[in-house]
């Protein structure tokens, strides 16, 4: 999912394949690329190559046994978080890895599994007035 937004508008679209156009972001916009699940590793690697991420960043995204971390690169920040979830069917806690890359006008989030973690943020992007869109 790709979400482009600014103060006046937002646009949400599904993208099956990334190409060089993903880097073309209008000056007034912020782009959020939200990837749910690690089932399509080629898609993640393609995005990483287009955005020129360090190979270790891609490796850390794909390797879900990472500890939480924060790394500051020249043009972006890379963060790995662990989401702790109560699994009612297993009757135990499970963890999912969330990787976030923050650049000057974009955010990329990669969830190990599809969760509803970011749904409240997407809902807030849809509201014209508020902190997220200002």
N, C-alpha and C. Protein backbone atom coordinates (compact mmCIF):
# COMPACT_ATOMS: atom_id res chain seq x y z
N UNK A 1 0.85 -1.17 0.00
CA UNK A 1 0.00 0.00 0.00
C UNK A 1 0.90 1.24 0.00
N UNK A 2 0.54 2.22 -0.81
CA UNK A 2 1.26 3.49 -0.86
C UNK A 2 0.26 4.60 -0.55
N UNK A 3 0.61 5.42 0.43
CA UNK A 3 -0.24 6.54 0.83
C UNK A 3 0.55 7.82 0.63
N UNK A 4 0.05 8.68 -0.26
CA UNK A 4 0.61 10.02 -0.43
C UNK A 4 -0.35 11.00 0.22
N UNK A 5 0.18 11.91 1.02
CA UNK A 5 -0.71 12.87 1.66
C UNK A 5 0.00 14.19 1.94
N UNK A 6 -0.83 15.23 2.06
CA UNK A 6 -0.38 16.56 2.46
C UNK A 6 -1.54 17.22 3.20
N UNK A 7 -1.46 18.52 3.42
CA UNK A 7 -2.51 19.21 4.17
C UNK A 7 -3.87 19.14 3.49
N UNK A 8 -3.88 19.17 2.15
CA UNK A 8 -5.13 19.27 1.41
C UNK A 8 -5.76 17.94 1.03
N UNK A 9 -4.94 16.92 0.78
CA UNK A 9 -5.51 15.69 0.22
C UNK A 9 -4.66 14.46 0.58
N UNK A 10 -5.24 13.31 0.29
CA UNK A 10 -4.51 12.06 0.44
C UNK A 10 -4.91 11.12 -0.69
N UNK A 11 -4.04 10.18 -0.99
CA UNK A 11 -4.30 9.19 -2.03
C UNK A 11 -3.73 7.85 -1.56
N UNK A 12 -4.58 6.83 -1.54
CA UNK A 12 -4.17 5.49 -1.12
C UNK A 12 -4.29 4.57 -2.32
N UNK A 13 -3.22 3.84 -2.61
CA UNK A 13 -3.26 2.90 -3.73
C UNK A 13 -2.45 1.65 -3.41
N UNK A 14 -2.85 0.57 -4.02
CA UNK A 14 -2.12 -0.69 -3.91
C UNK A 14 -1.16 -0.78 -5.09
N UNK A 15 0.06 -1.18 -4.82
CA UNK A 15 1.06 -1.33 -5.88
C UNK A 15 1.58 -2.76 -5.82
N UNK A 16 1.48 -3.45 -6.94
CA UNK A 16 1.95 -4.84 -6.99
C UNK A 16 3.44 -4.93 -7.22
N UNK A 17 3.98 -3.99 -8.02
CA UNK A 17 5.40 -4.01 -8.36
C UNK A 17 5.97 -2.60 -8.22
N UNK A 18 7.13 -2.50 -7.61
CA UNK A 18 7.78 -1.21 -7.47
C UNK A 18 8.66 -0.94 -8.68
N UNK A 19 8.70 0.34 -9.09
CA UNK A 19 9.64 0.78 -10.12
C UNK A 19 10.23 2.12 -9.67
N UNK A 20 11.06 2.72 -10.50
CA UNK A 20 11.75 3.95 -10.13
C UNK A 20 10.80 5.10 -9.80
N UNK A 21 9.56 5.04 -10.28
CA UNK A 21 8.59 6.10 -9.99
C UNK A 21 8.27 6.22 -8.50
N UNK A 22 8.53 5.18 -7.74
CA UNK A 22 8.23 5.19 -6.31
C UNK A 22 9.04 6.29 -5.60
N UNK A 23 10.17 6.68 -6.18
CA UNK A 23 11.01 7.73 -5.59
C UNK A 23 10.53 9.13 -5.93
N UNK A 24 9.65 9.24 -6.93
CA UNK A 24 9.18 10.55 -7.37
C UNK A 24 8.03 11.01 -6.47
N UNK A 25 8.36 11.86 -5.53
CA UNK A 25 7.38 12.34 -4.55
C UNK A 25 7.26 13.85 -4.71
N UNK A 26 6.03 14.33 -4.86
CA UNK A 26 5.83 15.78 -4.97
C UNK A 26 6.35 16.47 -3.71
N UNK A 27 6.88 17.69 -3.90
CA UNK A 27 7.52 18.41 -2.80
C UNK A 27 6.65 18.56 -1.57
N UNK A 28 5.38 18.83 -1.77
CA UNK A 28 4.49 19.09 -0.62
C UNK A 28 3.96 17.80 0.01
N UNK A 29 4.24 16.66 -0.58
CA UNK A 29 3.69 15.40 -0.10
C UNK A 29 4.64 14.65 0.83
N UNK A 30 4.03 13.80 1.61
CA UNK A 30 4.74 12.78 2.37
C UNK A 30 4.24 11.45 1.84
N UNK A 31 5.13 10.50 1.63
CA UNK A 31 4.74 9.18 1.12
C UNK A 31 5.01 8.13 2.19
N UNK A 32 3.99 7.30 2.41
CA UNK A 32 4.12 6.17 3.32
C UNK A 32 3.93 4.91 2.49
N UNK A 33 4.96 4.09 2.47
CA UNK A 33 4.90 2.79 1.81
C UNK A 33 4.74 1.75 2.91
N UNK A 34 3.61 1.09 2.92
CA UNK A 34 3.27 0.12 3.98
C UNK A 34 3.27 -1.27 3.38
N UNK A 35 4.19 -2.11 3.85
CA UNK A 35 4.28 -3.49 3.38
C UNK A 35 3.87 -4.40 4.53
N UNK A 36 2.87 -5.23 4.28
CA UNK A 36 2.36 -6.14 5.31
C UNK A 36 2.72 -7.57 4.94
N UNK A 37 3.56 -8.17 5.74
CA UNK A 37 3.96 -9.55 5.50
C UNK A 37 5.25 -9.65 4.70
N UNK A 38 5.98 -10.70 4.97
CA UNK A 38 7.26 -10.91 4.30
C UNK A 38 7.16 -11.97 3.22
N UNK A 39 5.96 -12.21 2.71
CA UNK A 39 5.77 -13.28 1.74
C UNK A 39 6.42 -12.98 0.39
N UNK A 40 6.59 -11.71 0.05
CA UNK A 40 7.17 -11.35 -1.24
C UNK A 40 8.52 -10.66 -1.01
N UNK A 41 9.54 -11.46 -0.79
CA UNK A 41 10.86 -10.90 -0.50
C UNK A 41 11.44 -10.15 -1.68
N UNK A 42 11.12 -10.59 -2.89
CA UNK A 42 11.64 -9.90 -4.08
C UNK A 42 11.12 -8.46 -4.14
N UNK A 43 9.88 -8.26 -3.74
CA UNK A 43 9.29 -6.92 -3.73
C UNK A 43 10.04 -6.01 -2.75
N UNK A 44 10.36 -6.54 -1.58
CA UNK A 44 11.09 -5.78 -0.57
C UNK A 44 12.50 -5.47 -1.06
N UNK A 45 13.17 -6.46 -1.64
CA UNK A 45 14.51 -6.25 -2.17
C UNK A 45 14.51 -5.23 -3.31
N UNK A 46 13.52 -5.30 -4.18
CA UNK A 46 13.40 -4.34 -5.29
C UNK A 46 13.23 -2.93 -4.75
N UNK A 47 12.36 -2.76 -3.77
CA UNK A 47 12.16 -1.44 -3.16
C UNK A 47 13.46 -0.95 -2.53
N UNK A 48 14.15 -1.83 -1.82
CA UNK A 48 15.41 -1.46 -1.19
C UNK A 48 16.46 -1.02 -2.19
N UNK A 49 16.52 -1.71 -3.32
CA UNK A 49 17.48 -1.33 -4.37
C UNK A 49 17.12 0.00 -5.00
N UNK A 50 15.84 0.21 -5.26
CA UNK A 50 15.40 1.49 -5.85
C UNK A 50 15.70 2.65 -4.90
N UNK A 51 15.43 2.45 -3.60
CA UNK A 51 15.63 3.51 -2.62
C UNK A 51 17.08 3.61 -2.15
N UNK A 52 17.93 2.69 -2.62
CA UNK A 52 19.36 2.68 -2.31
C UNK A 52 19.63 2.49 -0.82
N UNK A 53 18.93 1.54 -0.21
CA UNK A 53 19.17 1.22 1.19
C UNK A 53 20.41 0.34 1.31
N UNK A 54 21.07 0.46 2.42
CA UNK A 54 22.24 -0.36 2.70
C UNK A 54 21.81 -1.83 2.72
N UNK A 55 22.61 -2.74 2.17
CA UNK A 55 22.24 -4.16 2.16
C UNK A 55 21.94 -4.73 3.55
N UNK A 56 22.61 -4.23 4.58
CA UNK A 56 22.34 -4.73 5.93
C UNK A 56 20.94 -4.35 6.41
N UNK A 57 20.42 -3.23 5.93
CA UNK A 57 19.05 -2.83 6.27
C UNK A 57 18.07 -3.86 5.71
N UNK A 58 18.26 -4.23 4.45
CA UNK A 58 17.39 -5.24 3.84
C UNK A 58 17.51 -6.57 4.56
N UNK A 59 18.72 -6.93 4.93
CA UNK A 59 18.93 -8.18 5.66
C UNK A 59 18.22 -8.15 7.00
N UNK A 60 18.29 -7.01 7.69
CA UNK A 60 17.63 -6.89 9.00
C UNK A 60 16.11 -6.93 8.87
N UNK A 61 15.56 -6.40 7.79
CA UNK A 61 14.12 -6.44 7.58
C UNK A 61 13.66 -7.88 7.39
N UNK A 62 14.40 -8.63 6.61
CA UNK A 62 14.01 -10.00 6.27
C UNK A 62 14.27 -10.97 7.43
N UNK A 63 15.31 -10.71 8.21
CA UNK A 63 15.64 -11.57 9.35
C UNK A 63 14.82 -11.13 10.55
N UNK A 64 13.78 -11.85 10.85
CA UNK A 64 12.82 -11.40 11.87
C UNK A 64 13.25 -11.71 13.30
N UNK A 65 14.45 -12.21 13.48
CA UNK A 65 14.93 -12.47 14.84
C UNK A 65 15.81 -11.33 15.35
N UNK A 66 15.66 -10.15 14.76
CA UNK A 66 16.45 -8.99 15.17
C UNK A 66 15.99 -8.47 16.53
N UNK A 67 16.93 -7.93 17.27
CA UNK A 67 16.56 -7.19 18.48
C UNK A 67 16.11 -5.79 18.07
N UNK A 68 15.30 -5.16 18.89
CA UNK A 68 14.95 -3.77 18.58
C UNK A 68 16.21 -2.93 18.44
N UNK A 69 16.21 -2.04 17.45
CA UNK A 69 17.39 -1.21 17.22
C UNK A 69 17.02 0.06 16.49
N UNK A 70 17.95 0.99 16.54
CA UNK A 70 17.84 2.28 15.85
C UNK A 70 19.18 2.53 15.19
N UNK A 71 19.17 2.79 13.88
CA UNK A 71 20.41 3.08 13.17
C UNK A 71 20.21 4.33 12.32
N UNK A 72 21.16 5.23 12.41
CA UNK A 72 21.09 6.48 11.66
C UNK A 72 22.03 6.39 10.46
N UNK A 73 21.45 6.35 9.27
CA UNK A 73 22.23 6.35 8.03
C UNK A 73 22.27 7.77 7.49
N UNK A 74 23.02 7.98 6.42
CA UNK A 74 23.21 9.33 5.88
C UNK A 74 21.89 9.99 5.46
N UNK A 75 21.02 9.24 4.78
CA UNK A 75 19.80 9.82 4.23
C UNK A 75 18.51 9.29 4.86
N UNK A 76 18.62 8.44 5.83
CA UNK A 76 17.42 7.87 6.45
C UNK A 76 17.76 7.28 7.81
N UNK A 77 16.70 7.03 8.56
CA UNK A 77 16.80 6.37 9.87
C UNK A 77 16.14 5.01 9.74
N UNK A 78 16.75 4.00 10.33
CA UNK A 78 16.20 2.64 10.29
C UNK A 78 15.91 2.19 11.72
N UNK A 79 14.69 1.71 11.93
CA UNK A 79 14.25 1.28 13.26
C UNK A 79 13.66 -0.12 13.16
N UNK A 80 14.02 -0.97 14.11
CA UNK A 80 13.40 -2.29 14.23
C UNK A 80 12.71 -2.33 15.59
N UNK A 81 11.43 -2.69 15.58
CA UNK A 81 10.63 -2.80 16.80
C UNK A 81 10.03 -4.20 16.90
N UNK A 82 9.68 -4.58 18.09
CA UNK A 82 8.96 -5.84 18.31
C UNK A 82 7.57 -5.52 18.82
N UNK A 83 6.59 -6.09 18.17
CA UNK A 83 5.19 -5.95 18.57
C UNK A 83 4.80 -7.22 19.32
N UNK A 84 4.39 -7.07 20.56
CA UNK A 84 3.99 -8.21 21.38
C UNK A 84 2.47 -8.34 21.31
N UNK A 85 2.00 -9.52 20.92
CA UNK A 85 0.57 -9.75 20.70
C UNK A 85 0.13 -10.98 21.49
N UNK A 86 -1.05 -10.87 22.11
CA UNK A 86 -1.64 -12.03 22.77
C UNK A 86 -2.39 -12.85 21.73
N UNK A 87 -1.98 -14.09 21.53
CA UNK A 87 -2.63 -14.99 20.58
C UNK A 87 -3.61 -15.86 21.35
N UNK A 88 -4.90 -15.60 21.16
CA UNK A 88 -5.93 -16.32 21.91
C UNK A 88 -5.99 -17.80 21.52
N UNK A 89 -5.71 -18.11 20.27
CA UNK A 89 -5.78 -19.52 19.85
C UNK A 89 -4.64 -20.33 20.44
N UNK A 90 -3.46 -19.72 20.55
CA UNK A 90 -2.32 -20.42 21.15
C UNK A 90 -2.27 -20.24 22.66
N UNK A 91 -3.04 -19.28 23.18
CA UNK A 91 -3.05 -18.95 24.60
C UNK A 91 -1.66 -18.56 25.09
N UNK A 92 -1.00 -17.71 24.28
CA UNK A 92 0.34 -17.24 24.64
C UNK A 92 0.65 -15.94 23.89
N UNK A 93 1.71 -15.29 24.35
CA UNK A 93 2.19 -14.10 23.66
C UNK A 93 3.05 -14.50 22.47
N UNK A 94 2.91 -13.78 21.38
CA UNK A 94 3.79 -13.94 20.23
C UNK A 94 4.35 -12.56 19.88
N UNK A 95 5.41 -12.55 19.11
CA UNK A 95 5.99 -11.26 18.72
C UNK A 95 6.11 -11.18 17.20
N UNK A 96 5.94 -9.99 16.69
CA UNK A 96 6.12 -9.70 15.28
C UNK A 96 7.12 -8.57 15.15
N UNK A 97 7.91 -8.62 14.10
CA UNK A 97 8.88 -7.56 13.86
C UNK A 97 8.26 -6.48 12.98
N UNK A 98 8.50 -5.24 13.37
CA UNK A 98 8.09 -4.08 12.58
C UNK A 98 9.37 -3.32 12.24
N UNK A 99 9.63 -3.13 10.96
CA UNK A 99 10.78 -2.36 10.51
C UNK A 99 10.27 -1.05 9.92
N UNK A 100 10.93 0.05 10.28
CA UNK A 100 10.51 1.36 9.81
C UNK A 100 11.74 2.11 9.29
N UNK A 101 11.59 2.69 8.10
CA UNK A 101 12.63 3.52 7.52
C UNK A 101 12.03 4.91 7.33
N UNK A 102 12.71 5.92 7.86
CA UNK A 102 12.21 7.29 7.78
C UNK A 102 13.21 8.14 7.01
N UNK A 103 12.75 8.69 5.88
CA UNK A 103 13.56 9.59 5.07
C UNK A 103 13.01 11.00 5.16
N UNK A 104 13.52 11.90 4.34
CA UNK A 104 13.11 13.30 4.43
C UNK A 104 11.65 13.52 4.05
N UNK A 105 11.12 12.73 3.10
CA UNK A 105 9.73 12.91 2.70
C UNK A 105 9.00 11.57 2.52
N UNK A 106 9.49 10.56 3.20
CA UNK A 106 8.84 9.25 3.11
C UNK A 106 9.02 8.46 4.40
N UNK A 107 8.11 7.52 4.57
CA UNK A 107 8.19 6.52 5.64
C UNK A 107 7.88 5.18 5.00
N UNK A 108 8.67 4.18 5.33
CA UNK A 108 8.40 2.82 4.86
C UNK A 108 8.26 1.94 6.09
N UNK A 109 7.16 1.22 6.16
CA UNK A 109 6.97 0.28 7.27
C UNK A 109 6.81 -1.12 6.69
N UNK A 110 7.48 -2.06 7.32
CA UNK A 110 7.39 -3.46 6.90
C UNK A 110 7.01 -4.28 8.13
N UNK A 111 5.84 -4.90 8.05
CA UNK A 111 5.36 -5.75 9.14
C UNK A 111 5.66 -7.21 8.80
N UNK A 112 6.13 -7.94 9.79
CA UNK A 112 6.39 -9.37 9.58
C UNK A 112 5.12 -10.09 9.14
N UNK A 113 4.01 -9.77 9.80
CA UNK A 113 2.70 -10.33 9.44
C UNK A 113 1.73 -9.17 9.27
N UNK A 114 0.66 -9.43 8.59
CA UNK A 114 -0.36 -8.40 8.41
C UNK A 114 -1.09 -8.18 9.74
N UNK A 115 -1.00 -6.98 10.27
CA UNK A 115 -1.67 -6.64 11.53
C UNK A 115 -2.50 -5.37 11.31
N UNK A 116 -3.27 -5.01 12.32
CA UNK A 116 -4.04 -3.77 12.26
C UNK A 116 -3.35 -2.65 13.04
N UNK A 117 -2.07 -2.81 13.31
CA UNK A 117 -1.31 -1.85 14.11
C UNK A 117 -1.42 -0.43 13.57
N UNK A 118 -1.31 -0.26 12.27
CA UNK A 118 -1.28 1.07 11.67
C UNK A 118 -2.64 1.59 11.24
N UNK A 119 -3.70 0.82 11.42
CA UNK A 119 -5.04 1.26 11.00
C UNK A 119 -5.46 2.60 11.61
N UNK A 120 -5.21 2.85 12.90
CA UNK A 120 -5.59 4.16 13.45
C UNK A 120 -4.85 5.32 12.78
N UNK A 121 -3.61 5.10 12.36
CA UNK A 121 -2.87 6.16 11.68
C UNK A 121 -3.46 6.41 10.30
N UNK A 122 -3.79 5.34 9.59
CA UNK A 122 -4.42 5.48 8.28
C UNK A 122 -5.75 6.23 8.42
N UNK A 123 -6.53 5.90 9.45
CA UNK A 123 -7.79 6.60 9.69
C UNK A 123 -7.55 8.09 9.93
N UNK A 124 -6.48 8.43 10.63
CA UNK A 124 -6.19 9.84 10.92
C UNK A 124 -5.70 10.57 9.67
N UNK A 125 -5.03 9.87 8.78
CA UNK A 125 -4.61 10.49 7.51
C UNK A 125 -5.84 10.89 6.69
N UNK A 126 -6.89 10.11 6.80
CA UNK A 126 -8.12 10.39 6.03
C UNK A 126 -8.87 11.61 6.54
N UNK A 127 -8.55 12.07 7.75
CA UNK A 127 -9.21 13.24 8.33
C UNK A 127 -8.44 14.49 7.89
N UNK A 128 -9.13 15.46 7.26
CA UNK A 128 -8.42 16.62 6.70
C UNK A 128 -7.70 17.49 7.72
N UNK A 129 -8.23 17.58 8.92
CA UNK A 129 -7.59 18.43 9.92
C UNK A 129 -7.07 17.56 11.05
N UNK A 130 -5.89 17.87 11.47
CA UNK A 130 -5.28 17.11 12.55
C UNK A 130 -3.77 17.13 12.43
N UNK A 131 -3.12 16.59 13.42
CA UNK A 131 -1.66 16.62 13.47
C UNK A 131 -1.00 15.84 12.34
N UNK A 132 -1.58 14.73 11.96
CA UNK A 132 -0.95 13.87 10.95
C UNK A 132 -0.87 14.58 9.61
N UNK A 133 -1.89 15.31 9.24
CA UNK A 133 -1.92 15.96 7.92
C UNK A 133 -1.39 17.39 7.94
N UNK A 134 -1.03 17.92 9.09
CA UNK A 134 -0.57 19.32 9.12
C UNK A 134 0.92 19.44 8.96
